[in-house]
Amino acid sequence: MSRVVVFGYSGYAGGAITRELAERGHDVLGVSRGADGEAAAVAVRAGSIFDAQLVEEVAAGADHLVVALHAQGEPPLATALPHLSASAVAHGATLSFVGGAGSLRVGENGPRVFDTPDFPEAYLPEAQAHGAILDSLREAPAELDWFYVSPAAEFGSWNPGERTGEFRIGGDVLLTAPDGSSTISGADYAIAYVDEIERGEHRRERFGVAY
């Protein structure tokens, strides 16, 4: 059993990951600006990921720090990365992110999804902000243990899907079905995420999850 801190535990992806962790018997602390003890059967704490002192406090004794938050905002999520990384290293915790699909490539040596002309302009700032976090993680010192999980292109509360327990794991290329679709349910994404927490098969790597 691991001690896992989930920033953004009350959101769509964070909530699914939190439930999966709790069901598997992990010790989970959910952190959110509007912490709600009824949102999940876990310990909760109100606070912000941008509060370096709070991050240091919750990282003490943690095995994993999970970040399931929007990347684009005021301030941008990337501004929390230095103290998140420092706390993770200091306490021997793995730092991981619920990422986006936009930074995946459309094919081997192809452009990133958010660099293609058909990528929706409304989603571009968020996708690029998440891509910048991934770039920063890849440049982080070797002592930082991290992983980053990109979902399928059609992933979100508007397309929750069902729990099947069956999915594919990819690398830096967007996974698509024979019909060209790229989907994953929240529950199955969470299974893949928690599997990684338990198995540690993608240390200092990004991987993708889709049907």
Protein backbone atom coordinates (compact mmCIF):
# COMPACT_ATOMS: atom_id res chain seq x y z
CA MET A 1 0.00 0.00 0.00
CA SER A 2 1.30 3.42 -0.96
CA ARG A 3 0.67 6.88 0.43
CA VAL A 4 -0.58 8.96 -2.50
CA VAL A 5 -1.35 12.68 -2.61
CA VAL A 6 -3.75 13.69 -5.39
CA PHE A 7 -3.86 17.37 -6.31
CA GLY A 8 -7.20 17.99 -7.99
CA TYR A 9 -8.84 14.88 -6.56
CA SER A 10 -12.32 16.35 -7.03
CA GLY A 11 -12.02 16.78 -10.80
CA TYR A 12 -12.88 14.33 -13.56
CA ALA A 13 -9.53 12.56 -14.00
CA GLY A 14 -8.39 13.18 -10.43
CA GLY A 15 -11.63 11.78 -9.07
CA ALA A 16 -11.37 8.62 -11.16
CA ILE A 17 -7.76 8.08 -10.06
CA THR A 18 -8.66 8.73 -6.42
CA ARG A 19 -11.48 6.18 -6.51
CA GLU A 20 -9.26 3.59 -8.14
CA LEU A 21 -6.53 4.15 -5.56
CA ALA A 22 -8.98 3.87 -2.67
CA GLU A 23 -10.55 0.71 -4.07
CA ARG A 24 -7.12 -0.90 -4.24
CA GLY A 25 -6.42 -0.03 -0.61
CA HIS A 26 -3.95 2.81 -1.00
CA ASP A 27 -3.70 5.59 1.59
CA VAL A 28 -4.93 8.66 -0.30
CA LEU A 29 -4.87 12.35 0.60
CA GLY A 30 -6.89 14.54 -1.74
CA VAL A 31 -5.88 18.19 -2.05
CA SER A 32 -8.11 20.81 -3.64
CA ARG A 33 -8.86 24.49 -3.15
CA GLY A 34 -12.43 23.50 -2.37
CA ALA A 35 -11.81 20.25 -0.49
CA ASP A 36 -15.02 18.30 0.04
CA GLY A 37 -14.91 15.33 2.38
CA GLU A 38 -17.98 13.84 0.72
CA ALA A 39 -16.42 13.80 -2.76
CA ALA A 40 -14.34 10.69 -2.10
CA ALA A 41 -13.82 8.21 0.71
CA VAL A 42 -10.33 9.56 1.41
CA ALA A 43 -8.66 12.08 3.69
CA VAL A 44 -8.86 15.58 2.24
CA ARG A 45 -7.11 18.88 2.72
CA ALA A 46 -8.01 22.30 1.40
CA GLY A 47 -5.13 24.08 -0.24
CA SER A 48 -3.38 25.11 -3.41
CA ILE A 49 -0.63 23.40 -5.35
CA PHE A 50 0.93 26.87 -5.71
CA ASP A 51 1.52 27.00 -1.94
CA ALA A 52 5.06 25.65 -1.62
CA GLN A 53 4.78 25.16 2.13
CA LEU A 54 1.60 23.10 1.77
CA VAL A 55 3.21 20.97 -0.95
CA GLU A 56 6.19 20.33 1.30
CA GLU A 57 3.92 19.35 4.18
CA VAL A 58 1.78 16.88 2.23
CA ALA A 59 4.81 15.42 0.42
CA ALA A 60 6.37 14.38 3.73
CA GLY A 61 5.74 10.66 4.03
CA ALA A 62 4.19 10.37 0.55
CA ASP A 63 5.25 7.81 -2.02
CA HIS A 64 3.51 9.51 -4.94
CA LEU A 65 2.38 13.04 -5.82
CA VAL A 66 -0.33 12.99 -8.51
CA VAL A 67 -1.20 16.23 -10.32
CA ALA A 68 -4.61 16.24 -12.02
CA LEU A 69 -5.12 19.94 -12.76
CA HIS A 70 -5.52 22.24 -15.74
CA ALA A 71 -2.18 23.50 -17.00
CA GLN A 72 -3.32 26.89 -18.30
CA GLY A 73 -4.41 29.37 -15.67
CA GLU A 74 -3.37 32.25 -13.46
CA PRO A 75 -0.80 31.32 -12.44
CA PRO A 76 0.06 28.56 -14.94
CA LEU A 77 0.53 25.09 -13.46
CA ALA A 78 4.17 25.10 -14.64
CA THR A 79 5.01 27.69 -11.99
CA ALA A 80 4.40 25.01 -9.32
CA LEU A 81 6.79 22.56 -10.94
CA PRO A 82 10.01 23.74 -9.19
CA HIS A 83 8.68 23.31 -5.65
CA LEU A 84 6.75 20.16 -6.58
CA SER A 85 9.95 18.64 -7.94
CA ALA A 86 12.01 19.75 -4.95
CA SER A 87 9.54 18.26 -2.48
CA ALA A 88 9.27 15.01 -4.46
CA VAL A 89 13.05 14.60 -4.51
CA ALA A 90 13.44 15.56 -0.85
CA HIS A 91 10.93 12.94 0.27
CA GLY A 92 11.67 10.24 -2.29
CA ALA A 93 8.24 10.51 -3.93
CA THR A 94 7.33 9.96 -7.56
CA LEU A 95 5.78 12.99 -9.27
CA SER A 96 3.20 12.29 -11.96
CA PHE A 97 0.84 14.28 -14.15
CA VAL A 98 -2.50 13.73 -15.82
CA GLY A 99 -1.40 15.07 -19.19
CA GLY A 100 -3.04 15.91 -22.45
CA ALA A 101 -3.27 14.24 -25.84
CA GLY A 102 -2.17 17.35 -27.73
CA SER A 103 1.55 16.74 -27.21
CA LEU A 104 1.35 13.23 -28.66
CA ARG A 105 2.54 12.82 -32.23
CA VAL A 106 0.23 11.85 -35.08
CA GLY A 107 2.78 9.27 -36.28
CA GLU A 108 6.40 8.27 -35.90
CA ASN A 109 8.45 11.43 -36.51
CA GLY A 110 5.21 13.27 -37.27
CA PRO A 111 4.04 16.58 -35.82
CA ARG A 112 2.46 16.86 -32.42
CA VAL A 113 -1.33 16.79 -32.46
CA PHE A 114 -1.55 20.42 -31.34
CA ASP A 115 0.76 21.45 -34.21
CA THR A 116 -1.63 20.14 -36.86
CA PRO A 117 -3.82 22.66 -38.72
CA ASP A 118 -7.10 21.07 -37.61
CA PHE A 119 -6.38 21.27 -33.88
CA PRO A 120 -9.16 23.37 -32.24
CA GLU A 121 -7.88 26.84 -31.45
CA ALA A 122 -9.93 27.02 -28.25
CA TYR A 123 -7.97 24.11 -26.74
CA LEU A 124 -4.53 25.18 -27.96
CA PRO A 125 -3.35 27.18 -24.90
CA GLU A 126 -4.16 24.31 -22.52
CA ALA A 127 -2.55 21.72 -24.78
CA GLN A 128 0.60 23.77 -25.23
CA ALA A 129 0.83 24.44 -21.48
CA HIS A 130 0.67 20.72 -20.77
CA GLY A 131 3.26 20.09 -23.46
CA ALA A 132 5.57 22.58 -21.77
CA ILE A 133 5.25 20.68 -18.48
CA LEU A 134 6.23 17.46 -20.23
CA ASP A 135 9.24 19.19 -21.80
CA SER A 136 10.32 20.44 -18.37
CA LEU A 137 10.00 16.99 -16.83
CA ARG A 138 12.18 15.52 -19.57
CA GLU A 139 14.86 18.07 -18.73
CA ALA A 140 14.60 17.53 -14.96
CA PRO A 141 17.57 16.21 -12.96
CA ALA A 142 17.93 12.44 -12.87
CA GLU A 143 17.01 12.28 -9.19
CA LEU A 144 13.42 13.31 -9.94
CA ASP A 145 11.30 10.20 -10.46
CA TRP A 146 8.32 11.12 -12.67
CA PHE A 147 5.82 9.88 -15.22
CA TYR A 148 3.21 11.60 -17.38
CA VAL A 149 0.08 9.94 -18.77
CA SER A 150 -1.56 11.21 -21.96
CA PRO A 151 -5.12 10.04 -22.57
CA ALA A 152 -6.79 9.43 -25.90
CA ALA A 153 -7.94 12.42 -27.93
CA GLU A 154 -11.59 12.04 -26.87
CA PHE A 155 -11.18 12.06 -23.09
CA GLY A 156 -13.21 14.09 -20.63
CA SER A 157 -16.32 14.38 -18.54
CA TRP A 158 -18.34 14.91 -21.71
CA ASN A 159 -17.38 11.37 -22.84
CA PRO A 160 -17.11 9.32 -19.61
CA GLY A 161 -17.49 5.88 -21.17
CA GLU A 162 -17.48 2.69 -19.12
CA ARG A 163 -15.02 0.65 -17.12
CA THR A 164 -13.81 -2.29 -19.23
CA GLY A 165 -10.35 -3.06 -17.89
CA GLU A 166 -9.14 -3.41 -21.47
CA PHE A 167 -7.02 -0.77 -23.20
CA ARG A 168 -3.72 -0.24 -24.97
CA ILE A 169 -0.60 1.44 -23.69
CA GLY A 170 1.39 3.53 -26.16
CA GLY A 171 4.36 5.84 -26.25
CA ASP A 172 4.62 9.27 -27.87
CA VAL A 173 2.26 8.51 -30.78
CA LEU A 174 -1.50 9.02 -30.49
CA LEU A 175 -3.28 5.66 -30.31
CA THR A 176 -6.27 5.32 -32.63
CA ALA A 177 -8.77 2.57 -33.40
CA PRO A 178 -9.20 1.16 -36.92
CA ASP A 179 -12.06 3.62 -37.51
CA GLY A 180 -9.76 6.52 -36.64
CA SER A 181 -11.31 7.27 -33.26
CA SER A 182 -9.19 7.79 -30.16
CA THR A 183 -11.07 7.27 -26.90
CA ILE A 184 -10.65 6.11 -23.31
CA SER A 185 -13.09 6.17 -20.41
CA GLY A 186 -12.25 7.92 -17.18
CA ALA A 187 -12.33 4.64 -15.26
CA ASP A 188 -10.01 2.81 -17.66
CA TYR A 189 -7.60 5.75 -17.76
CA ALA A 190 -7.51 5.57 -13.97
CA ILE A 191 -6.76 1.84 -14.06
CA ALA A 192 -3.75 2.45 -16.30
CA TYR A 193 -2.59 5.34 -14.09
CA VAL A 194 -2.80 3.36 -10.85
CA ASP A 195 -1.18 0.35 -12.52
CA GLU A 196 1.82 2.59 -13.17
CA ILE A 197 1.86 3.79 -9.58
CA GLU A 198 1.96 0.17 -8.44
CA ARG A 199 4.32 -1.25 -11.06
CA GLY A 200 6.63 1.61 -12.03
CA GLU A 201 7.13 0.44 -15.60
CA HIS A 202 7.54 3.90 -17.17
CA ARG A 203 10.01 5.70 -14.96
CA ARG A 204 10.80 9.19 -16.31
CA GLU A 205 8.60 8.59 -19.34
CA ARG A 206 5.36 9.72 -20.95
CA PHE A 207 2.97 7.02 -22.06
CA GLY A 208 -0.46 7.09 -23.67
CA VAL A 209 -3.65 5.18 -22.93
CA ALA A 210 -6.47 4.44 -25.37
CA TYR A 211 -8.69 1.69 -26.73
